[in-house]
C-alpha atoms as a PDB file:
ATOM      1  CA  MET A   1       2.388  89.249  18.228  1.00  0.00           C
ATOM      2  CA  LYS A   2       0.149  86.209  17.680  1.00  0.00           C
ATOM      3  CA  ASN A   3       0.632  86.531  13.929  1.00  0.00           C
ATOM      4  CA  PHE A   4       4.403  86.682  14.395  1.00  0.00           C
ATOM      5  CA  LEU A   5       4.436  83.492  16.543  1.00  0.00           C
ATOM      6  CA  LEU A   6       2.228  81.744  14.021  1.00  0.00           C
ATOM      7  CA  LEU A   7       4.627  82.681  11.205  1.00  0.00           C
ATOM      8  CA  ILE A   8       7.646  81.329  13.137  1.00  0.00           C
ATOM      9  CA  THR A   9       5.827  78.047  13.834  1.00  0.00           C
ATOM     10  CA  LEU A  10       4.980  77.577  10.159  1.00  0.00           C
ATOM     11  CA  VAL A  11       8.601  78.191   9.125  1.00  0.00           C
ATOM     12  CA  ILE A  12       9.855  75.538  11.571  1.00  0.00           C
ATOM     13  CA  LEU A  13       7.294  72.969  10.438  1.00  0.00           C
ATOM     14  CA  ILE A  14       8.104  73.524   6.752  1.00  0.00           C
ATOM     15  CA  GLY A  15      11.838  73.254   7.423  1.00  0.00           C
ATOM     16  CA  CYS A  16      11.421  69.944   9.249  1.00  0.00           C
ATOM     17  CA  LYS A  17       9.277  68.566   6.460  1.00  0.00           C
ATOM     18  CA  ASN A  18      11.814  69.517   3.775  1.00  0.00           C
ATOM     19  CA  ASN A  19      14.612  67.802   5.688  1.00  0.00           C
ATOM     20  CA  GLN A  20      12.868  64.433   5.812  1.00  0.00           C
ATOM     21  CA  THR A  21      14.331  61.666   3.620  1.00  0.00           C
ATOM     22  CA  THR A  22      11.857  60.432   1.061  1.00  0.00           C
ATOM     23  CA  LYS A  23      13.870  57.556  -0.459  1.00  0.00           C
ATOM     24  CA  LYS A  24      14.864  54.643   1.752  1.00  0.00           C
ATOM     25  CA  ILE A  25      15.575  50.971   1.144  1.00  0.00           C
ATOM     26  CA  GLU A  26      14.195  49.030   4.085  1.00  0.00           C
ATOM     27  CA  PRO A  27      16.834  46.778   5.724  1.00  0.00           C
ATOM     28  CA  GLU A  28      16.166  43.025   5.863  1.00  0.00           C
ATOM     29  CA  THR A  29      17.368  42.493   9.445  1.00  0.00           C
ATOM     30  CA  LYS A  30      17.913  44.484  12.619  1.00  0.00           C
ATOM     31  CA  GLU A  31      21.675  44.043  12.201  1.00  0.00           C
ATOM     32  CA  GLU A  32      21.559  45.646   8.758  1.00  0.00           C
ATOM     33  CA  GLU A  33      19.328  48.437  10.085  1.00  0.00           C
ATOM     34  CA  GLN A  34      22.001  49.222  12.669  1.00  0.00           C
ATOM     35  CA  GLU A  35      24.684  49.299   9.965  1.00  0.00           C
ATOM     36  CA  GLU A  36      22.613  51.668   7.848  1.00  0.00           C
ATOM     37  CA  VAL A  37      22.127  54.309  10.516  1.00  0.00           C
ATOM     38  CA  THR A  38      25.346  54.014  12.542  1.00  0.00           C
ATOM     39  CA  PRO A  39      27.712  56.958  11.922  1.00  0.00           C
ATOM     40  CA  LYS A  40      31.156  55.989  10.611  1.00  0.00           C
ATOM     41  CA  LYS A  41      32.983  57.015  13.779  1.00  0.00           C
ATOM     42  CA  LYS A  42      30.637  54.854  15.867  1.00  0.00           C
ATOM     43  CA  ARG A  43      31.304  51.656  13.937  1.00  0.00           C
ATOM     44  CA  PRO A  44      33.434  48.964  15.634  1.00  0.00           C
ATOM     45  CA  VAL A  45      37.085  49.689  14.822  1.00  0.00           C
ATOM     46  CA  ALA A  46      38.844  46.442  13.918  1.00  0.00           C
ATOM     47  CA  LEU A  47      42.243  47.589  15.203  1.00  0.00           C
ATOM     48  CA  GLU A  48      40.836  48.474  18.623  1.00  0.00           C
ATOM     49  CA  ASN A  49      39.138  45.065  18.804  1.00  0.00           C
ATOM     50  CA  ASN A  50      42.363  43.133  18.219  1.00  0.00           C
ATOM     51  CA  LYS A  51      41.487  41.851  14.752  1.00  0.00           C
ATOM     52  CA  PHE A  52      45.104  42.226  13.578  1.00  0.00           C
ATOM     53  CA  PHE A  53      47.881  39.927  14.818  1.00  0.00           C
ATOM     54  CA  GLU A  54      50.993  38.051  13.700  1.00  0.00           C
ATOM     55  CA  VAL A  55      51.608  34.328  13.211  1.00  0.00           C
ATOM     56  CA  ASN A  56      55.098  33.077  12.356  1.00  0.00           C
ATOM     57  CA  GLY A  57      56.107  36.491  11.054  1.00  0.00           C
ATOM     58  CA  LYS A  58      52.993  36.880   8.886  1.00  0.00           C
ATOM     59  CA  LYS A  59      50.462  39.658   9.394  1.00  0.00           C
ATOM     60  CA  MET A  60      47.015  38.178   9.873  1.00  0.00           C
ATOM     61  CA  LEU A  61      43.460  39.493   9.955  1.00  0.00           C
ATOM     62  CA  TYR A  62      40.773  37.736  11.977  1.00  0.00           C
ATOM     63  CA  GLY A  63      38.397  35.745   9.774  1.00  0.00           C
ATOM     64  CA  GLY A  64      36.443  33.624  12.241  1.00  0.00           C
ATOM     65  CA  LYS A  65      36.570  31.328  15.260  1.00  0.00           C
ATOM     66  CA  ASP A  66      38.287  28.640  13.206  1.00  0.00           C
ATOM     67  CA  ASN A  67      41.989  29.507  12.931  1.00  0.00           C
ATOM     68  CA  SER A  68      42.001  28.334   9.316  1.00  0.00           C
ATOM     69  CA  GLN A  69      39.679  31.224   8.405  1.00  0.00           C
ATOM     70  CA  HIS A  70      42.111  34.040   9.202  1.00  0.00           C
ATOM     71  CA  PHE A  71      43.435  36.092   6.280  1.00  0.00           C
ATOM     72  CA  ASP A  72      47.139  36.416   5.533  1.00  0.00           C
ATOM     73  CA  ILE A  73      47.435  40.140   4.724  1.00  0.00           C
ATOM     74  CA  THR A  74      51.215  40.387   4.736  1.00  0.00           C
ATOM     75  CA  GLY A  75      52.213  43.319   2.501  1.00  0.00           C
ATOM     76  CA  TYR A  76      48.642  44.464   2.001  1.00  0.00           C
ATOM     77  CA  ASP A  77      47.703  47.878   0.572  1.00  0.00           C
ATOM     78  CA  LEU A  78      45.279  49.257   3.180  1.00  0.00           C
ATOM     79  CA  LYS A  79      45.600  50.811   6.654  1.00  0.00           C
ATOM     80  CA  ASP A  80      44.776  48.944   9.865  1.00  0.00           C
ATOM     81  CA  GLU A  81      42.990  51.865  11.513  1.00  0.00           C
ATOM     82  CA  GLN A  82      40.467  52.276   8.672  1.00  0.00           C
ATOM     83  CA  PHE A  83      38.900  48.820   8.996  1.00  0.00           C
ATOM     84  CA  HIS A  84      35.525  48.461  10.693  1.00  0.00           C
ATOM     85  CA  TYR A  85      33.727  45.410  12.116  1.00  0.00           C
ATOM     86  CA  GLY A  86      35.366  41.960  11.900  1.00  0.00           C
ATOM     87  CA  ILE A  87      32.452  39.595  12.486  1.00  0.00           C
ATOM     88  CA  GLY A  88      33.884  36.627  10.563  1.00  0.00           C
ATOM     89  CA  ARG A  89      34.003  35.822   6.899  1.00  0.00           C
ATOM     90  CA  GLU A  90      31.089  33.371   6.704  1.00  0.00           C
ATOM     91  CA  ARG A  91      28.534  35.332   8.737  1.00  0.00           C
ATOM     92  CA  PHE A  92      26.703  36.828   5.759  1.00  0.00           C
ATOM     93  CA  PRO A  93      25.147  34.306   3.342  1.00  0.00           C
ATOM     94  CA  ALA A  94      26.897  35.180   0.078  1.00  0.00           C
ATOM     95  CA  ILE A  95      25.141  32.916  -2.395  1.00  0.00           C
ATOM     96  CA  LEU A  96      27.040  30.191  -4.267  1.00  0.00           C
ATOM     97  CA  LYS A  97      24.173  28.410  -6.026  1.00  0.00           C
ATOM     98  CA  PRO A  98      21.297  30.877  -6.367  1.00  0.00           C
ATOM     99  CA  GLU A  99      17.712  29.794  -6.906  1.00  0.00           C
ATOM    100  CA  PHE A 100      15.284  31.731  -9.086  1.00  0.00           C
ATOM    101  CA  ILE A 101      11.556  32.139  -9.621  1.00  0.00           C
ATOM    102  CA  THR A 102       9.473  33.441 -12.532  1.00  0.00           C
ATOM    103  CA  ILE A 103       8.299  36.991 -13.143  1.00  0.00           C
ATOM    104  CA  GLN A 104       4.744  35.880 -12.356  1.00  0.00           C
ATOM    105  CA  GLU A 105       5.742  34.383  -9.001  1.00  0.00           C
ATOM    106  CA  ALA A 106       7.857  37.393  -8.036  1.00  0.00           C
ATOM    107  CA  ASP A 107       5.150  39.894  -8.985  1.00  0.00           C
ATOM    108  CA  THR A 108       3.181  38.950  -5.877  1.00  0.00           C
ATOM    109  CA  THR A 109       6.093  40.224  -3.759  1.00  0.00           C
ATOM    110  CA  TRP A 110       7.536  43.334  -5.381  1.00  0.00           C
ATOM    111  CA  ALA A 111       6.048  46.785  -5.960  1.00  0.00           C
ATOM    112  CA  ASP A 112       6.743  48.401  -9.332  1.00  0.00           C
ATOM    113  CA  ASP A 113       9.116  50.982  -7.817  1.00  0.00           C
ATOM    114  CA  THR A 114      11.275  48.367  -6.027  1.00  0.00           C
ATOM    115  CA  ARG A 115      14.929  48.763  -6.955  1.00  0.00           C
ATOM    116  CA  PHE A 116      16.612  45.906  -8.857  1.00  0.00           C
ATOM    117  CA  LEU A 117      19.818  45.033 -10.652  1.00  0.00           C
ATOM    118  CA  VAL A 118      19.237  43.173 -13.902  1.00  0.00           C
ATOM    119  CA  ALA A 119      21.794  41.431 -16.129  1.00  0.00           C
ATOM    120  CA  TYR A 120      21.143  40.097 -19.614  1.00  0.00           C
ATOM    121  CA  SER A 121      23.038  38.201 -22.312  1.00  0.00           C
ATOM    122  CA  GLY A 122      21.326  36.578 -25.266  1.00  0.00           C
ATOM    123  CA  ASP A 123      18.065  35.069 -24.039  1.00  0.00           C
ATOM    124  CA  ASP A 124      19.307  34.771 -20.443  1.00  0.00           C
ATOM    125  CA  VAL A 125      18.079  37.487 -18.049  1.00  0.00           C
ATOM    126  CA  LYS A 126      18.671  37.510 -14.273  1.00  0.00           C
ATOM    127  CA  ALA A 127      17.070  39.988 -11.869  1.00  0.00           C
ATOM    128  CA  TYR A 128      18.206  40.667  -8.291  1.00  0.00           C
ATOM    129  CA  SER A 129      16.224  42.846  -5.894  1.00  0.00           C
ATOM    130  CA  VAL A 130      18.369  45.305  -3.949  1.00  0.00           C
ATOM    131  CA  LYS A 131      16.494  44.258  -0.807  1.00  0.00           C
ATOM    132  CA  ASP A 132      17.691  40.668  -1.232  1.00  0.00           C
ATOM    133  CA  LEU A 133      21.172  41.844  -2.190  1.00  0.00           C
ATOM    134  CA  THR A 134      21.277  43.883   1.007  1.00  0.00           C
ATOM    135  CA  ARG A 135      21.029  40.596   2.894  1.00  0.00           C
ATOM    136  CA  HIS A 136      23.397  38.497   0.753  1.00  0.00           C
ATOM    137  CA  GLU A 137      25.589  41.325  -0.589  1.00  0.00           C
ATOM    138  CA  VAL A 138      27.162  38.883  -3.078  1.00  0.00           C
ATOM    139  CA  VAL A 139      25.401  36.451  -5.422  1.00  0.00           C
ATOM    140  CA  ASN A 140      27.734  34.221  -7.432  1.00  0.00           C
ATOM    141  CA  ASP A 141      25.861  33.298 -10.586  1.00  0.00           C
ATOM    142  CA  VAL A 142      26.148  32.268 -14.247  1.00  0.00           C
ATOM    143  CA  LEU A 143      24.686  34.276 -17.120  1.00  0.00           C
ATOM    144  CA  ASN A 144      24.474  32.677 -20.558  1.00  0.00           C
ATOM    145  CA  GLY A 145      27.253  30.289 -19.550  1.00  0.00           C
ATOM    146  CA  LYS A 146      29.586  32.959 -18.124  1.00  0.00           C
ATOM    147  CA  PRO A 147      30.372  33.288 -14.379  1.00  0.00           C
ATOM    148  CA  ILE A 148      29.164  36.618 -12.955  1.00  0.00           C
ATOM    149  CA  MET A 149      28.249  38.080  -9.584  1.00  0.00           C
ATOM    150  CA  ALA A 150      25.685  40.611  -8.472  1.00  0.00           C
ATOM    151  CA  VAL A 151      26.813  42.741  -5.530  1.00  0.00           C
ATOM    152  CA  TYR A 152      25.353  45.483  -3.379  1.00  0.00           C
ATOM    153  CA  CYS A 153      26.865  47.375  -0.427  1.00  0.00           C
ATOM    154  CA  ILE A 154      24.278  49.353   1.514  1.00  0.00           C
ATOM    155  CA  LEU A 155      26.857  51.567   3.260  1.00  0.00           C
ATOM    156  CA  ALA A 156      28.308  52.894  -0.003  1.00  0.00           C
ATOM    157  CA  ASP A 157      25.108  52.363  -2.012  1.00  0.00           C
ATOM    158  CA  LEU A 158      27.269  50.402  -4.450  1.00  0.00           C
ATOM    159  CA  GLY A 159      25.433  47.997  -6.731  1.00  0.00           C
ATOM    160  CA  ALA A 160      27.008  46.383  -9.790  1.00  0.00           C
ATOM    161  CA  ILE A 161      27.390  43.246 -11.877  1.00  0.00           C
ATOM    162  CA  TYR A 162      30.893  41.812 -12.241  1.00  0.00           C
ATOM    163  CA  GLU A 163      32.423  38.990 -14.267  1.00  0.00           C
ATOM    164  CA  ARG A 164      34.165  36.172 -12.352  1.00  0.00           C
ATOM    165  CA  GLN A 165      36.108  34.590 -15.202  1.00  0.00           C
ATOM    166  CA  TYR A 166      39.828  35.452 -15.301  1.00  0.00           C
ATOM    167  CA  GLY A 167      41.256  33.763 -18.375  1.00  0.00           C
ATOM    168  CA  ASP A 168      40.615  30.053 -17.837  1.00  0.00           C
ATOM    169  CA  LYS A 169      40.145  30.515 -14.073  1.00  0.00           C
ATOM    170  CA  GLU A 170      36.893  31.198 -12.220  1.00  0.00           C
ATOM    171  CA  LEU A 171      36.779  33.041  -8.886  1.00  0.00           C
ATOM    172  CA  THR A 172      34.103  32.743  -6.198  1.00  0.00           C
ATOM    173  CA  PHE A 173      33.461  35.732  -3.929  1.00  0.00           C
ATOM    174  CA  ALA A 174      32.115  36.203  -0.417  1.00  0.00           C
ATOM    175  CA  LEU A 175      32.036  38.752   2.442  1.00  0.00           C
ATOM    176  CA  SER A 176      35.104  39.165   4.645  1.00  0.00           C
ATOM    177  CA  GLY A 177      33.111  40.533   7.585  1.00  0.00           C
ATOM    178  CA  TYR A 178      34.863  43.920   7.307  1.00  0.00           C
ATOM    179  CA  THR A 179      34.171  47.322   5.847  1.00  0.00           C
ATOM    180  CA  TYR A 180      36.837  49.883   4.994  1.00  0.00           C
ATOM    181  CA  TYR A 181      36.908  53.600   4.339  1.00  0.00           C
ATOM    182  CA  ASP A 182      39.309  56.145   2.930  1.00  0.00           C
ATOM    183  CA  ASP A 183      38.485  59.843   3.173  1.00  0.00           C
ATOM    184  CA  GLU A 184      39.757  60.304  -0.397  1.00  0.00           C
ATOM    185  CA  VAL A 185      37.565  57.525  -1.877  1.00  0.00           C
ATOM    186  CA  TRP A 186      33.791  57.833  -2.409  1.00  0.00           C
ATOM    187  CA  ASN A 187      33.637  60.790   0.003  1.00  0.00           C
ATOM    188  CA  GLY A 188      34.891  58.629   2.842  1.00  0.00           C
ATOM    189  CA  LEU A 189      31.985  56.172   2.763  1.00  0.00           C
ATOM    190  CA  ASP A 190      32.473  52.694   4.214  1.00  0.00           C
ATOM    191  CA  GLY A 191      32.468  49.926   1.640  1.00  0.00           C
ATOM    192  CA  PHE A 192      32.461  46.171   2.166  1.00  0.00           C
ATOM    193  CA  VAL A 193      35.654  44.143   1.766  1.00  0.00           C
ATOM    194  CA  LEU A 194      35.290  40.908  -0.219  1.00  0.00           C
ATOM    195  CA  TRP A 195      37.475  37.819  -0.505  1.00  0.00           C
ATOM    196  CA  ASP A 196      37.777  35.068  -3.093  1.00  0.00           C
ATOM    197  CA  ARG A 197      37.761  31.429  -2.076  1.00  0.00           C
ATOM    198  CA  GLU A 198      40.332  30.307  -4.631  1.00  0.00           C
ATOM    199  CA  THR A 199      43.234  32.450  -3.326  1.00  0.00           C
ATOM    200  CA  GLU A 200      41.783  34.064  -0.160  1.00  0.00           C
ATOM    201  CA  SER A 201      42.853  37.482  -1.399  1.00  0.00           C
ATOM    202  CA  LEU A 202      40.945  40.497  -0.069  1.00  0.00           C
ATOM    203  CA  TRP A 203      39.242  42.887  -2.508  1.00  0.00           C
ATOM    204  CA  TRP A 204      37.899  46.405  -1.969  1.00  0.00           C
ATOM    205  CA  PRO A 205      35.283  47.231  -4.630  1.00  0.00           C
ATOM    206  CA  LEU A 206      35.441  50.981  -4.000  1.00  0.00           C
ATOM    207  CA  ILE A 207      38.856  51.007  -5.703  1.00  0.00           C
ATOM    208  CA  ASP A 208      38.065  48.063  -8.013  1.00  0.00           C
ATOM    209  CA  ARG A 209      40.918  45.743  -7.111  1.00  0.00           C
ATOM    210  CA  ALA A 210      42.379  43.139  -4.783  1.00  0.00           C
ATOM    211  CA  VAL A 211      44.346  44.620  -1.883  1.00  0.00           C
ATOM    212  CA  SER A 212      46.038  41.559  -0.371  1.00  0.00           C
ATOM    213  CA  GLY A 213      47.034  37.990  -1.068  1.00  0.00           C
ATOM    214  CA  PRO A 214      48.256  36.326  -4.277  1.00  0.00           C
ATOM    215  CA  LEU A 215      45.964  38.489  -6.436  1.00  0.00           C
ATOM    216  CA  LYS A 216      46.894  41.863  -4.921  1.00  0.00           C
ATOM    217  CA  GLY A 217      46.531  44.516  -7.618  1.00  0.00           C
ATOM    218  CA  VAL A 218      44.239  42.428  -9.848  1.00  0.00           C
ATOM    219  CA  ARG A 219      41.223  44.433 -10.949  1.00  0.00           C
ATOM    220  CA  PHE A 220      37.523  43.729 -10.656  1.00  0.00           C
ATOM    221  CA  LEU A 221      35.928  43.007 -14.013  1.00  0.00           C
ATOM    222  CA  GLU A 222      32.733  45.022 -14.175  1.00  0.00           C
ATOM    223  CA  MET A 223      30.363  43.667 -16.789  1.00  0.00           C
ATOM    224  CA  ASP A 224      29.858  45.836 -19.859  1.00  0.00           C
ATOM    225  CA  LYS A 225      27.232  48.451 -19.025  1.00  0.00           C
ATOM    226  CA  ALA A 226      25.359  47.395 -22.160  1.00  0.00           C
ATOM    227  CA  ASN A 227      24.541  44.113 -20.390  1.00  0.00           C
ATOM    228  CA  TRP A 228      23.273  45.254 -17.013  1.00  0.00           C
ATOM    229  CA  LYS A 229      21.446  48.119 -15.336  1.00  0.00           C
ATOM    230  CA  ASP A 230      20.181  49.480 -12.027  1.00  0.00           C
ATOM    231  CA  THR A 231      16.435  49.696 -12.559  1.00  0.00           C
ATOM    232  CA  THR A 232      12.983  48.949 -11.087  1.00  0.00           C
ATOM    233  CA  TRP A 233      10.684  45.978 -10.899  1.00  0.00           C
ATOM    234  CA  GLY A 234       8.138  47.705 -13.118  1.00  0.00           C
ATOM    235  CA  ALA A 235      10.716  48.209 -15.871  1.00  0.00           C
ATOM    236  CA  ILE A 236      11.870  44.586 -15.645  1.00  0.00           C
ATOM    237  CA  LYS A 237       8.323  43.237 -15.968  1.00  0.00           C
ATOM    238  CA  LYS A 238       7.737  45.363 -19.036  1.00  0.00           C
ATOM    239  CA  SER A 239      11.039  44.732 -20.824  1.00  0.00           C
ATOM    240  CA  TYR A 240      12.015  41.214 -19.670  1.00  0.00           C
ATOM    241  CA  PRO A 241       8.883  39.099 -19.103  1.00  0.00           C
ATOM    242  CA  ASN A 242      10.944  35.877 -19.159  1.00  0.00           C
ATOM    243  CA  ALA A 243      13.543  37.023 -16.637  1.00  0.00           C
ATOM    244  CA  LYS A 244      14.609  34.737 -13.798  1.00  0.00           C
ATOM    245  CA  VAL A 245      14.205  36.501 -10.451  1.00  0.00           C
ATOM    246  CA  LEU A 246      16.377  35.759  -7.421  1.00  0.00           C
ATOM    247  CA  LYS A 247      14.350  33.840  -4.843  1.00  0.00           C
ATOM    248  CA  SER A 248      14.119  35.607  -1.477  1.00  0.00           C
ATOM    249  CA  GLY A 249      15.173  34.121   1.863  1.00  0.00           C
ATOM    250  CA  GLN A 250      17.911  31.780   0.627  1.00  0.00           C
ATOM    251  CA  ASP A 251      20.534  30.384   2.942  1.00  0.00           C
ATOM    252  CA  PHE A 252      22.907  27.436   2.820  1.00  0.00           C
ATOM    253  CA  GLU A 253      25.497  25.439   4.688  1.00  0.00           C
ATOM    254  CA  ARG A 254      28.826  27.187   4.255  1.00  0.00           C
ATOM    255  CA  PRO A 255      31.433  24.928   2.599  1.00  0.00           C
ATOM    256  CA  LYS A 256      34.292  23.691   4.773  1.00  0.00           C
ATOM    257  CA  THR A 257      36.719  23.139   1.912  1.00  0.00           C
ATOM    258  CA  TRP A 258      37.016  24.292  -1.682  1.00  0.00           C
ATOM    259  CA  LYS A 259      39.410  24.197  -4.610  1.00  0.00           C
ATOM    260  CA  LYS A 260      42.410  26.519  -4.321  1.00  0.00           C
ATOM    261  CA  LEU A 261      44.482  28.030  -7.128  1.00  0.00           C
ATOM    262  CA  ASP A 262      48.192  27.357  -6.745  1.00  0.00           C
ATOM    263  CA  ASP A 263      49.352  29.221  -9.846  1.00  0.00           C
ATOM    264  CA  VAL A 264      47.868  32.669 -10.482  1.00  0.00           C
ATOM    265  CA  THR A 265      50.732  33.953 -12.642  1.00  0.00           C
ATOM    266  CA  GLU A 266      48.575  34.472 -15.725  1.00  0.00           C
ATOM    267  CA  ILE A 267      45.805  36.231 -13.785  1.00  0.00           C
ATOM    268  CA  VAL A 268      48.271  38.676 -12.224  1.00  0.00           C
ATOM    269  CA  LYS A 269      49.996  39.231 -15.554  1.00  0.00           C
ATOM    270  CA  ASN A 270      46.861  39.869 -17.579  1.00  0.00           C
ATOM    271  CA  TYR A 271      44.497  41.505 -15.089  1.00  0.00           C
ATOM    272  CA  THR A 272      46.589  43.649 -12.758  1.00  0.00           C
ATOM    273  CA  LYS A 273      44.988  47.074 -12.382  1.00  0.00           C
ATOM    274  CA  LYS A 274      47.040  49.827 -14.010  1.00  0.00           C
ATOM    275  CA  GLU A 275      47.411  52.946 -11.836  1.00  0.00           C
END
């Protein structure tokens, strides 16, 4: 009998050990830790929290305490009930003018197995730790003279490098304060919703296109996979000793005004996502 009880105990202990998660990216803040572990059904539902409303016949989505920050989503492609959160579009510090440090300076901070996104073109190499991207989620940058952005969504584990140049127009991206899910997309995972400052269109990266506003239907431009990768700090040090590394802990005063695009005809014509 004692041997039988001992056997059962060992089986339980082994089962618990095998079910433990061995790979985890530590969140930067308590708020992000809550987002990482909160089940989808427990997340704040935007519709239930009155984030949708109408103004002069237009359908609006809450964007912040300032009435000028609300999004006009009239005719948008998504469903009200599948939006989560709604904390305001300038709450997360999406970077507009990133600062960088050298490989030597960064090596005092990062372990070799730390996850990074790295982008390269010619002699220009930029490296972004996933831990820092978890805080900023969007870094608007320039690589070898071309506008790009590094993005990472912890909920969908989506990390990628995108181009920001649409013909002769440049777009600047930030966080809307919302996430969105669709049970038929990415296994129903929540993914962040972005917006661009130039047209205030909303974009959902999980389907690679804008879903509202003047640019609705326009596709995200992922950088050629030959020019970026999801890798580790150890690999970057070895292969790109002259890389510029995103400086940790950046923040900035959010702009109150910015240049808007009045005519997006050519962008819509040339970059609309084909179904």
